[in-house]
Protein backbone atom coordinates (compact mmCIF):
# COMPACT_ATOMS: atom_id res chain seq x y z
CA MET A 1 -4.93 -16.37 33.05
CA GLN A 2 -8.27 -16.86 34.72
CA LEU A 3 -10.72 -18.44 32.31
CA ILE A 4 -13.74 -19.15 34.52
CA PRO A 5 -14.54 -15.42 35.34
CA THR A 6 -14.56 -14.81 31.79
CA LEU A 7 -17.21 -17.40 31.07
CA PHE A 8 -19.33 -16.13 33.95
CA LEU A 9 -19.25 -12.81 32.37
CA ILE A 10 -20.40 -14.29 29.14
CA MET A 11 -23.42 -15.84 31.02
CA MET A 12 -24.25 -12.49 32.62
CA LEU A 13 -24.11 -10.57 29.38
CA THR A 14 -26.10 -13.00 27.29
CA GLY A 15 -28.44 -14.42 29.76
CA ALA A 16 -27.44 -17.92 28.53
CA SER A 17 -26.60 -20.97 30.59
CA VAL A 18 -22.79 -21.54 29.94
CA LYS A 19 -20.81 -24.08 31.97
CA ALA A 20 -18.15 -22.77 33.97
CA ASP A 21 -15.57 -25.30 33.01
CA PRO A 22 -13.15 -23.91 30.35
CA PRO A 23 -14.39 -25.50 27.06
CA ASN A 24 -12.09 -27.61 24.82
CA ILE A 25 -11.58 -26.59 21.27
CA LEU A 26 -11.54 -28.92 18.35
CA ILE A 27 -10.88 -27.53 14.98
CA MET A 28 -11.23 -29.72 11.89
CA MET A 29 -10.25 -28.03 8.61
CA SER A 30 -10.20 -29.32 5.09
CA ASP A 31 -7.73 -28.19 2.46
CA ASP A 32 -9.53 -26.47 -0.64
CA GLN A 33 -13.12 -27.00 -0.13
CA SER A 34 -15.80 -24.54 -1.29
CA PHE A 35 -19.28 -23.80 -0.12
CA PRO A 36 -21.74 -25.56 -0.79
CA HIS A 37 -20.02 -28.86 -0.94
CA ALA A 38 -21.40 -30.71 1.97
CA SER A 39 -24.55 -32.82 2.12
CA ALA A 40 -25.87 -30.46 4.93
CA TYR A 41 -26.14 -27.70 2.27
CA GLY A 42 -28.06 -29.97 0.02
CA SER A 43 -25.30 -31.12 -2.29
CA LYS A 44 -25.94 -34.41 -3.92
CA MET A 45 -22.30 -34.77 -5.10
CA VAL A 46 -21.01 -35.43 -1.63
CA LEU A 47 -22.14 -37.34 1.50
CA THR A 48 -20.82 -35.67 4.60
CA PRO A 49 -22.40 -37.36 7.57
CA ASN A 50 -20.00 -36.07 10.06
CA PHE A 51 -20.03 -32.51 9.03
CA ASP A 52 -23.91 -32.83 8.82
CA ARG A 53 -23.78 -34.18 12.47
CA ILE A 54 -22.05 -31.04 13.79
CA ALA A 55 -24.57 -28.90 11.84
CA ARG A 56 -27.36 -30.96 13.22
CA ASP A 57 -26.16 -30.73 16.82
CA GLY A 58 -25.25 -26.98 16.60
CA MET A 59 -25.31 -24.37 13.81
CA LEU A 60 -24.80 -24.47 10.09
CA PHE A 61 -23.39 -21.25 8.58
CA ASN A 62 -24.46 -20.26 4.97
CA ASN A 63 -22.15 -17.23 4.64
CA ALA A 64 -18.86 -17.93 6.20
CA PHE A 65 -15.87 -16.43 4.51
CA CYS A 66 -11.90 -16.98 4.69
CA ALA A 67 -9.59 -14.07 4.86
CA ALA A 68 -7.70 -15.15 1.71
CA PRO A 69 -8.24 -17.64 -1.12
CA GLY A 70 -5.03 -19.46 -0.47
CA CYS A 71 -3.92 -21.84 2.48
CA SER A 72 -1.05 -20.28 4.10
CA PRO A 73 -2.43 -16.65 4.47
CA SER A 74 -5.84 -17.84 5.26
CA ARG A 75 -4.60 -20.04 8.04
CA ALA A 76 -2.45 -17.29 9.31
CA ALA A 77 -5.30 -14.70 9.43
CA PHE A 78 -7.60 -17.30 11.09
CA LEU A 79 -4.99 -18.09 13.83
CA THR A 80 -4.15 -14.45 14.50
CA GLY A 81 -7.68 -13.01 14.02
CA ARG A 82 -5.96 -10.30 11.74
CA GLN A 83 -6.29 -9.60 8.05
CA ILE A 84 -3.50 -10.84 5.84
CA TRP A 85 -2.31 -7.24 5.23
CA MET A 86 -1.90 -6.92 9.06
CA ILE A 87 0.60 -9.75 9.64
CA GLU A 88 3.35 -8.88 7.14
CA ASN A 89 5.27 -11.94 5.85
CA ALA A 90 2.55 -14.35 7.13
CA GLY A 91 -0.13 -12.64 4.81
CA THR A 92 1.54 -14.04 1.77
CA HIS A 93 2.11 -17.62 0.58
CA ALA A 94 5.08 -19.83 1.67
CA SER A 95 6.91 -17.06 3.70
CA SER A 96 7.65 -16.64 7.45
CA PHE A 97 5.30 -16.11 10.39
CA ALA A 98 6.65 -13.55 13.00
CA GLY A 99 6.41 -14.77 16.61
CA LYS A 100 5.14 -11.45 17.67
CA TYR A 101 1.78 -12.10 15.91
CA LEU A 102 0.36 -14.48 18.67
CA THR A 103 -2.16 -17.01 17.57
CA PHE A 104 -5.05 -18.23 19.56
CA MET A 105 -3.15 -21.43 19.97
CA ASP A 106 -0.21 -19.52 21.53
CA LEU A 107 -2.43 -17.66 23.85
CA LEU A 108 -4.45 -20.90 24.94
CA GLU A 109 -1.08 -22.68 25.60
CA SER A 110 0.01 -19.68 27.80
CA ALA A 111 -3.36 -19.94 29.57
CA GLY A 112 -2.85 -23.45 30.46
CA TYR A 113 -4.39 -25.33 27.70
CA HIS A 114 -2.95 -28.60 26.25
CA THR A 115 -2.45 -27.68 22.65
CA GLY A 116 -1.47 -29.44 19.38
CA TYR A 117 -2.19 -30.29 15.83
CA THR A 118 -2.10 -33.11 13.29
CA GLY A 119 -1.73 -32.99 9.52
CA LYS A 120 -1.37 -29.42 8.02
CA GLY A 121 -1.05 -26.69 10.62
CA TRP A 122 0.09 -23.27 9.29
CA ALA A 123 1.65 -24.26 5.91
CA PRO A 124 3.39 -23.88 3.64
CA GLY A 125 6.12 -21.60 5.03
CA ASN A 126 9.12 -21.25 7.46
CA PHE A 127 7.88 -20.54 10.97
CA LYS A 128 11.36 -20.78 12.34
CA ALA A 129 12.45 -17.80 10.10
CA GLY A 130 9.93 -15.75 12.12
CA GLY A 131 11.67 -16.61 15.26
CA ARG A 132 9.10 -19.45 16.31
CA GLU A 133 10.12 -22.76 17.73
CA GLN A 134 7.01 -24.55 16.78
CA ASN A 135 4.19 -24.31 14.28
CA PRO A 136 1.65 -21.47 15.04
CA ALA A 137 -0.93 -24.10 15.24
CA GLY A 138 0.90 -25.65 18.09
CA PRO A 139 3.18 -28.77 18.77
CA SER A 140 2.85 -31.54 16.21
CA TYR A 141 1.48 -34.80 16.94
CA GLY A 142 2.44 -36.38 13.71
CA ALA A 143 0.12 -38.47 11.49
CA LYS A 144 -0.47 -38.10 7.77
CA ARG A 145 -3.28 -38.54 5.32
CA GLY A 146 -5.04 -41.87 5.85
CA ASN A 147 -4.12 -41.97 9.59
CA TYR A 148 -4.88 -38.40 11.11
CA ALA A 149 -6.88 -39.89 13.99
CA ALA A 150 -3.63 -41.41 15.28
CA GLY A 151 -2.37 -37.83 15.94
CA PHE A 152 -5.45 -36.86 17.83
CA GLU A 153 -5.16 -40.11 19.94
CA ARG A 154 -1.51 -39.43 20.86
CA PHE A 155 -2.46 -35.84 21.76
CA LEU A 156 -5.21 -37.10 24.00
CA LYS A 157 -2.94 -39.64 25.60
CA ALA A 158 -0.35 -36.93 26.26
CA ARG A 159 -2.96 -34.70 27.91
CA PRO A 160 -2.04 -34.03 31.64
CA GLY A 161 -5.21 -35.11 33.65
CA LYS A 162 -8.28 -33.04 32.74
CA LYS A 163 -6.57 -30.08 31.45
CA PRO A 164 -8.63 -28.13 28.75
CA PHE A 165 -7.25 -28.82 25.40
CA ALA A 166 -7.39 -27.12 21.88
CA PHE A 167 -6.58 -29.38 18.96
CA TRP A 168 -6.17 -28.50 15.24
CA PHE A 169 -6.69 -31.14 12.70
CA GLY A 170 -5.58 -30.05 9.23
CA SER A 171 -6.40 -32.48 6.49
CA SER A 172 -4.62 -32.51 3.13
CA ASP A 173 -8.00 -33.48 1.43
CA PRO A 174 -9.29 -32.40 -0.97
CA HIS A 175 -5.97 -30.58 -1.94
CA ARG A 176 -4.59 -31.94 -5.20
CA GLY A 177 -3.31 -34.23 -6.79
CA TYR A 178 -6.11 -36.66 -7.02
CA GLN A 179 -6.21 -40.41 -8.16
CA LYS A 180 -7.88 -39.97 -11.43
CA GLY A 181 -11.20 -41.77 -11.54
CA SER A 182 -11.34 -42.17 -7.77
CA GLY A 183 -14.72 -40.66 -7.63
CA ARG A 184 -16.34 -42.97 -10.04
CA LYS A 185 -14.54 -46.09 -8.48
CA SER A 186 -16.16 -45.10 -5.25
CA GLY A 187 -19.53 -45.71 -6.82
CA LYS A 188 -20.31 -42.03 -7.88
CA THR A 189 -21.68 -41.36 -11.47
CA LEU A 190 -21.11 -38.38 -13.69
CA SER A 191 -24.66 -37.43 -13.29
CA GLN A 192 -24.10 -36.61 -9.64
CA ALA A 193 -21.43 -33.98 -10.35
CA GLU A 194 -22.42 -30.41 -9.67
CA VAL A 195 -20.69 -28.22 -12.30
CA PRO A 196 -20.34 -24.53 -11.09
CA ALA A 197 -21.20 -21.90 -13.78
CA PHE A 198 -17.59 -20.94 -14.29
CA LEU A 199 -16.69 -24.47 -15.74
CA PRO A 200 -18.06 -26.07 -18.91
CA ASP A 201 -20.32 -28.95 -18.31
CA THR A 202 -18.39 -31.90 -19.98
CA PRO A 203 -17.64 -35.45 -18.84
CA GLU A 204 -13.92 -34.43 -18.33
CA ILE A 205 -15.04 -31.75 -15.81
CA ARG A 206 -17.64 -33.87 -14.13
CA ASP A 207 -15.11 -36.65 -13.71
CA ASP A 208 -12.61 -34.24 -11.98
CA LEU A 209 -15.34 -32.93 -9.76
CA LEU A 210 -16.22 -36.49 -8.66
CA ASP A 211 -12.38 -37.06 -7.68
CA TYR A 212 -12.68 -33.71 -5.71
CA ALA A 213 -15.96 -34.99 -3.96
CA PHE A 214 -14.38 -38.35 -3.13
CA GLU A 215 -11.64 -36.51 -1.10
CA ILE A 216 -13.99 -34.35 0.76
CA GLU A 217 -15.68 -37.53 1.89
CA ARG A 218 -12.40 -38.94 3.10
CA PHE A 219 -11.83 -35.82 5.10
CA ASP A 220 -15.30 -36.32 6.53
CA ARG A 221 -14.49 -39.84 7.56
CA ASP A 222 -11.43 -38.59 9.44
CA CYS A 223 -13.60 -36.11 11.20
CA GLY A 224 -15.90 -38.99 12.30
CA ARG A 225 -12.99 -40.93 13.79
CA MET A 226 -11.82 -37.90 15.69
CA LEU A 227 -15.45 -37.36 17.09
CA GLU A 228 -15.43 -41.01 18.12
CA LEU A 229 -12.15 -40.37 20.16
CA LEU A 230 -13.60 -37.18 21.66
CA GLU A 231 -16.78 -38.99 22.77
CA ALA A 232 -14.54 -41.64 24.51
CA THR A 233 -13.18 -38.82 26.79
CA GLY A 234 -16.75 -37.97 27.93
CA GLU A 235 -16.17 -34.35 27.23
CA ILE A 236 -17.80 -33.84 23.78
CA LYS A 237 -20.55 -31.69 25.37
CA ASN A 238 -17.96 -29.20 26.68
CA THR A 239 -16.04 -29.08 23.41
CA LEU A 240 -16.41 -26.18 20.94
CA ILE A 241 -16.27 -28.07 17.55
CA ILE A 242 -15.44 -26.27 14.45
CA VAL A 243 -15.62 -27.91 11.01
CA THR A 244 -14.52 -25.74 7.95
CA SER A 245 -12.00 -25.31 5.15
CA ASP A 246 -9.16 -23.00 4.43
CA ASN A 247 -10.03 -21.70 0.98
CA GLY A 248 -11.94 -22.60 -2.22
CA MET A 249 -11.93 -25.74 -4.36
CA PRO A 250 -8.69 -26.30 -6.53
CA PHE A 251 -10.20 -25.57 -9.78
CA PRO A 252 -9.84 -22.60 -12.34
CA TYR A 253 -11.47 -19.33 -11.16
CA ALA A 254 -11.81 -20.72 -7.68
CA LYS A 255 -8.92 -21.28 -5.31
CA ALA A 256 -6.49 -18.28 -5.42
CA ASN A 257 -9.25 -16.01 -6.72
CA CYS A 258 -11.35 -13.43 -4.74
CA THR A 259 -14.46 -15.01 -6.35
CA GLU A 260 -17.35 -16.67 -4.60
CA PHE A 261 -15.89 -20.16 -5.01
CA GLY A 262 -12.62 -18.79 -3.81
CA ILE A 263 -13.61 -17.30 -0.47
CA HIS A 264 -16.93 -18.61 0.46
CA MET A 265 -16.51 -21.59 2.99
CA PRO A 266 -18.52 -24.41 4.62
CA LEU A 267 -18.75 -23.99 8.31
CA ALA A 268 -20.53 -25.88 11.11
CA ILE A 269 -20.09 -25.35 14.74
CA ALA A 270 -21.48 -27.30 17.81
CA TRP A 271 -20.79 -27.04 21.63
CA GLY A 272 -22.98 -29.33 23.39
CA SER A 273 -26.13 -27.86 25.04
CA ASN A 274 -24.63 -24.39 24.74
CA ILE A 275 -25.52 -24.09 21.18
CA LYS A 276 -29.13 -25.19 20.19
CA GLY A 277 -29.16 -27.79 17.62
CA ARG A 278 -30.50 -27.68 14.04
CA GLN A 279 -29.85 -23.91 13.57
CA THR A 280 -29.03 -22.20 10.34
CA CYS A 281 -27.31 -18.99 10.39
CA ASP A 282 -27.36 -16.58 7.29
CA ALA A 283 -25.32 -13.83 8.85
CA LEU A 284 -22.06 -12.80 7.31
CA VAL A 285 -19.08 -14.10 9.16
CA SER A 286 -15.43 -13.96 8.59
CA PHE A 287 -12.56 -16.27 9.74
CA THR A 288 -11.22 -13.27 11.70
CA ASP A 289 -14.69 -13.18 13.51
CA LEU A 290 -14.26 -16.90 14.26
CA SER A 291 -10.93 -16.21 15.93
CA ALA A 292 -12.65 -13.51 17.83
CA THR A 293 -15.29 -15.92 18.93
CA ILE A 294 -12.68 -18.52 20.16
CA HIS A 295 -11.01 -15.63 22.16
CA GLU A 296 -14.36 -14.74 23.96
CA VAL A 297 -15.37 -18.28 24.58
CA THR A 298 -12.03 -19.05 26.19
CA GLY A 299 -11.34 -15.72 27.86
CA ILE A 300 -7.97 -15.14 26.02
CA LYS A 301 -6.92 -11.76 25.11
CA ALA A 302 -4.83 -10.57 21.97
CA PRO A 303 -1.90 -8.30 22.79
CA ALA A 304 -2.95 -4.61 22.79
CA GLU A 305 -0.51 -3.76 20.08
CA PHE A 306 -2.04 -6.40 17.83
CA PRO A 307 -5.75 -6.15 18.15
CA LEU A 308 -8.04 -8.50 16.40
CA ALA A 309 -9.69 -7.53 13.29
CA GLY A 310 -12.82 -9.41 13.61
CA ARG A 311 -15.60 -9.41 16.29
CA SER A 312 -17.07 -12.38 18.10
CA PHE A 313 -20.32 -13.89 17.03
CA LEU A 314 -20.83 -15.84 20.33
CA ALA A 315 -24.33 -14.18 20.72
CA LEU A 316 -25.36 -15.78 17.49
CA LEU A 317 -24.21 -19.25 18.54
CA LEU A 318 -25.98 -18.88 21.89
CA GLY A 319 -29.28 -17.95 20.05
CA LYS A 320 -29.22 -14.16 20.78
CA THR A 321 -29.54 -11.37 18.39
CA GLU A 322 -26.49 -9.41 17.51
CA ALA A 323 -26.64 -5.77 18.64
CA LYS A 324 -25.08 -4.71 15.38
CA PRO A 325 -25.24 -7.36 12.56
CA ARG A 326 -22.31 -7.38 10.30
CA THR A 327 -23.07 -5.94 6.67
CA GLU A 328 -19.93 -6.80 5.01
CA ILE A 329 -16.74 -8.98 5.22
CA PHE A 330 -13.30 -8.40 3.61
CA SER A 331 -10.81 -10.74 2.07
CA GLY A 332 -7.63 -10.42 -0.02
CA ARG A 333 -4.81 -12.25 -1.65
CA GLU A 334 -1.18 -11.39 -2.45
CA ARG A 335 1.36 -14.12 -3.69
CA HIS A 336 -0.02 -17.54 -4.14
CA SER A 337 2.37 -19.84 -6.08
CA SER A 338 5.61 -18.90 -7.80
CA SER A 339 3.87 -17.92 -11.03
CA ARG A 340 5.44 -14.71 -12.44
CA TYR A 341 8.61 -12.94 -12.99
CA ASN A 342 10.56 -12.52 -9.75
CA THR A 343 7.85 -14.41 -7.95
CA LEU A 344 5.48 -11.57 -8.03
CA GLY A 345 1.99 -11.94 -6.77
CA TYR A 346 -1.43 -10.96 -7.91
CA PRO A 347 -2.77 -8.39 -5.33
CA GLN A 348 -6.49 -8.37 -4.72
CA ARG A 349 -8.81 -7.06 -2.03
CA CYS A 350 -12.53 -7.58 -1.89
CA ILE A 351 -15.70 -6.65 -0.04
CA ARG A 352 -18.61 -9.09 0.08
CA THR A 353 -22.11 -7.97 1.37
CA ASP A 354 -25.16 -10.17 1.39
CA GLN A 355 -25.87 -9.33 -2.35
CA PHE A 356 -22.65 -8.18 -4.04
CA LEU A 357 -19.08 -8.82 -4.28
CA TYR A 358 -16.69 -6.03 -5.22
CA VAL A 359 -13.04 -6.92 -6.23
CA ARG A 360 -10.10 -4.53 -6.53
CA ASN A 361 -7.38 -5.83 -8.80
CA PHE A 362 -4.28 -3.74 -7.79
CA LYS A 363 -2.07 -4.90 -10.75
CA PRO A 364 -4.35 -5.50 -13.73
CA GLU A 365 -1.28 -5.57 -16.03
CA ARG A 366 -0.41 -8.98 -14.60
CA TRP A 367 -1.82 -12.32 -15.70
CA PRO A 368 -4.18 -13.32 -12.79
CA ALA A 369 -3.14 -17.17 -13.19
CA GLY A 370 0.31 -16.27 -14.23
CA PRO A 371 1.64 -16.06 -17.88
CA GLY A 372 0.97 -19.31 -19.91
CA GLN A 373 4.46 -20.27 -20.34
CA LYS A 374 6.32 -23.43 -18.97
CA LEU A 375 9.83 -22.40 -17.88
CA SER A 376 12.86 -24.27 -16.66
CA GLY A 377 16.56 -23.37 -15.64
CA LYS A 378 17.93 -20.16 -14.22
CA PRO A 379 16.79 -16.58 -14.39
CA GLY A 380 16.76 -15.32 -17.93
CA SER A 381 15.70 -18.67 -19.27
CA ARG A 382 13.49 -18.39 -22.53
CA PRO A 383 9.70 -19.13 -22.28
CA GLY A 384 8.50 -22.62 -23.05
CA PRO A 385 5.39 -23.37 -25.09
CA GLU A 386 2.54 -20.94 -25.09
CA HIS A 387 -0.28 -22.07 -22.75
CA GLY A 388 2.04 -24.41 -20.94
CA GLY A 389 1.84 -22.62 -17.49
CA TYR A 390 -0.95 -20.67 -15.60
CA HIS A 391 0.69 -21.86 -12.26
CA ASP A 392 -1.65 -19.97 -9.97
CA ILE A 393 -4.03 -22.75 -10.96
CA ASP A 394 -3.25 -26.16 -9.43
CA ALA A 395 -2.41 -28.51 -12.19
CA CYS A 396 -5.43 -30.57 -12.91
CA PRO A 397 -7.51 -32.29 -15.63
CA SER A 398 -9.84 -29.27 -15.59
CA LEU A 399 -7.16 -26.85 -16.45
CA SER A 400 -5.60 -29.23 -19.06
CA PHE A 401 -9.02 -29.43 -20.56
CA LEU A 402 -9.61 -25.71 -20.62
CA ILE A 403 -6.11 -25.16 -22.36
CA ALA A 404 -6.68 -27.80 -24.81
CA GLY A 405 -10.16 -26.54 -25.71
CA ARG A 406 -9.25 -22.76 -25.68
CA ASN A 407 -10.27 -22.40 -29.38
CA ASN A 408 -13.44 -24.47 -28.91
CA PRO A 409 -16.55 -22.12 -29.10
CA LYS A 410 -18.00 -24.19 -26.14
CA VAL A 411 -14.97 -23.81 -23.93
CA LYS A 412 -13.00 -20.79 -24.77
CA ASP A 413 -15.04 -18.24 -22.66
CA PHE A 414 -14.29 -20.45 -19.54
CA PHE A 415 -10.63 -20.58 -20.40
CA HIS A 416 -10.46 -16.74 -20.71
CA LEU A 417 -12.53 -16.35 -17.52
CA ALA A 418 -9.75 -18.17 -15.67
CA VAL A 419 -6.46 -16.83 -17.28
CA ALA A 420 -7.26 -13.51 -19.11
CA LYS A 421 -6.19 -10.23 -17.64
CA ARG A 422 -8.82 -8.56 -15.49
CA PRO A 423 -9.90 -4.97 -15.10
CA HIS A 424 -8.99 -2.98 -12.10
CA GLU A 425 -12.56 -3.32 -10.62
CA GLN A 426 -15.04 -6.04 -10.67
CA LEU A 427 -18.56 -6.32 -9.32
CA PHE A 428 -20.78 -9.22 -9.17
CA ASP A 429 -24.44 -9.70 -7.98
CA ILE A 430 -23.85 -12.87 -6.07
CA GLN A 431 -27.48 -13.70 -5.60
CA LYS A 432 -28.01 -13.82 -9.41
CA ASP A 433 -24.47 -14.82 -10.46
CA PRO A 434 -22.67 -16.92 -7.85
CA GLY A 435 -20.22 -18.06 -10.52
CA CYS A 436 -19.01 -14.47 -10.98
CA LEU A 437 -19.47 -14.49 -14.71
CA ASN A 438 -20.99 -11.05 -15.30
CA ASN A 439 -18.88 -8.02 -14.27
CA LEU A 440 -21.21 -5.11 -13.49
CA ALA A 441 -18.43 -2.66 -12.61
CA GLU A 442 -18.83 -0.62 -15.97
CA ASN A 443 -22.72 -1.05 -16.00
CA PRO A 444 -24.12 2.56 -15.50
CA ALA A 445 -27.00 0.93 -13.61
CA PHE A 446 -24.70 -0.13 -10.77
CA THR A 447 -22.40 2.84 -10.62
CA GLN A 448 -23.69 4.05 -7.36
CA ILE A 449 -23.32 0.42 -5.90
CA ARG A 450 -19.83 0.20 -7.23
CA GLU A 451 -18.78 3.54 -5.82
CA ASN A 452 -20.18 2.79 -2.46
CA LEU A 453 -18.54 -0.58 -2.10
CA SER A 454 -15.30 0.89 -3.47
CA GLY A 455 -15.39 3.62 -0.88
CA GLN A 456 -16.10 1.17 1.92
CA LEU A 457 -13.22 -1.16 0.94
CA THR A 458 -10.78 2.01 0.66
CA ASN A 459 -11.84 3.19 3.99
CA TYR A 460 -11.45 -0.20 5.72
CA LEU A 461 -8.17 -0.80 4.01
CA LYS A 462 -6.79 2.58 5.17
CA SER A 463 -8.19 2.06 8.79
CA THR A 464 -6.39 -1.34 9.01
CA ALA A 465 -3.21 0.09 7.54
CA ASP A 466 -3.18 -1.97 4.46
CA PRO A 467 0.08 -1.03 2.57
CA ARG A 468 -1.86 -1.58 -0.71
CA ALA A 469 -3.94 1.54 0.42
CA THR A 470 -1.35 3.53 1.98
CA GLY A 471 1.23 3.68 -0.65
CA ASN A 472 3.68 0.93 0.30
CA GLY A 473 2.05 -2.20 -1.45
CA ASP A 474 5.44 -3.28 -2.85
CA ILE A 475 6.39 -4.29 0.48
CA PHE A 476 4.57 -7.74 -0.15
CA GLU A 477 6.81 -8.48 -3.21
CA THR A 478 9.82 -8.28 -0.91
CA TYR A 479 8.86 -11.04 1.61
CA PRO A 480 10.94 -14.23 0.99
CA ARG A 481 9.45 -17.31 -0.42
CA TYR A 482 10.68 -20.53 1.23
CA SER A 483 9.14 -22.89 -1.34
CA SER A 484 10.34 -23.60 -5.00
CA ILE A 485 10.61 -20.78 -7.51
CA ARG A 486 9.95 -20.69 -11.14
CA TRP A 487 12.04 -18.36 -13.36
CA PHE A 488 10.39 -16.16 -15.90
CA ALA A 489 11.65 -13.67 -18.39
CA LYS A 490 10.95 -10.00 -17.51
CA PRO A 491 7.46 -9.03 -18.76
CA GLU A 492 6.85 -6.19 -21.14
CA TRP A 493 5.31 -3.97 -18.64
CA ALA A 494 8.32 -4.24 -16.47
CA ARG A 495 10.71 -3.65 -19.40
CA GLU A 496 8.80 -0.61 -20.52
CA ASN A 497 8.53 0.83 -16.89
CA PRO A 498 12.03 0.51 -15.09
CA GLY A 499 11.83 0.48 -11.46
CA THR A 500 8.27 -0.97 -11.14
CA VAL A 501 9.75 -4.24 -9.84
CA PRO A 502 10.94 -3.85 -6.13
CA GLU A 503 14.33 -4.78 -4.89
CA MET A 504 14.26 -8.30 -3.55
CA PRO A 505 17.77 -9.25 -2.32
CA TRP A 506 16.45 -12.52 -0.89
CA LEU A 507 15.60 -13.67 -4.46
CA LYS A 508 18.98 -12.51 -5.72
CA ALA A 509 20.75 -14.79 -3.17
CA LYS A 510 18.80 -17.81 -4.66
CA GLN A 511 20.09 -17.09 -8.16
């Protein structure tokens, strides 16, 4: 594949001065970090000098959104440039990843790039079950938490000559579990914690937030070590550097939810002199757009039968005005953890504009965080203690605090917000209510807005052949899960409506 002509074409179309050398790509991705938790955004809870450096050297994005509020599908959508409902098994958590859905790392490798990753690539899941020989993020260069830079160093040493490279650094920070009290031990104080509106402001919650902030800073330090290694190559100015996260913070009503703190991501991008420094971008961009941008910058092309869902925002990066600015982005989720009977998911789709977030919950009869029952044993085992579960929320002190305080007048509303059943439609005014506390879907004053956004979402889902919109939504429930499975008793709605749970032979094989 010829890369240089494509870059010259970019120069002619944009009038910008872009180097003809194929650019390197360095992606640095944290695990479970919400916007606005970086000091470049004004956060006082975290100090992220290396994220801030990329923002200072290039562009800081205020409205970047992942394609799913969970790691495995979010990463798959980013890598393929396709929405989660367009990539079958890879669009749900801990399943497989079909080799026919080529990632930008696959395409870059075929185009002659030296590719690889360290830490968490596409995961969790079983890529070999999809016919792949290596992770969709490329060949592994090892290294784990605390020593990620060693993987990048090995990768650079293995690089043949000056071959252009693409490297994916997937940290495990700030994914849980945390060392309790690590934030305060690092010198942070409870007064520094920034408590989002969907959590009660208590010392217990603040302490948990400081531990989360401590791990974001550890990710940032790893980014700094990798930037030092990149500088030593002398090629940092010809490297497109992307720093972001995969999905929202691991707290109740954030990660695994199509809420603002579940899908709104930090993002900073630099590319030497190609991107003017100290720019702030308020445009809506999605991770599928980010994929399309990588495609355009490097000259790779997606297979015609699997076109990209996003569109490049290279013009924005180069300081140009987009011909048709994006007015909305889309996101969604299916299964997250094994949290329900027969490991069923909690399907959601959403549309986000500059002001509103509209969410459609396809199965409102299900519990959004899973039923609050702790189970053990084989299928048919009896439920454990009430409020002992909610497994679609990562186990954490904040969840434990909400459960313990569920009858406390100052806590119970936050508890129910995170775990109670939700209506089919939700509508939030993000400018006034970023915590997504006030559902406007039934407010007559917002009927027209709700109907318009609902129509836009339906049209987009149909145009992109989402099975949830075309009548075959149960297909998502049939995709095998390759991680552990919890066994739950059949819920009342399934007992009263025989045939509502699809056949899942892969699950029977595990029994």
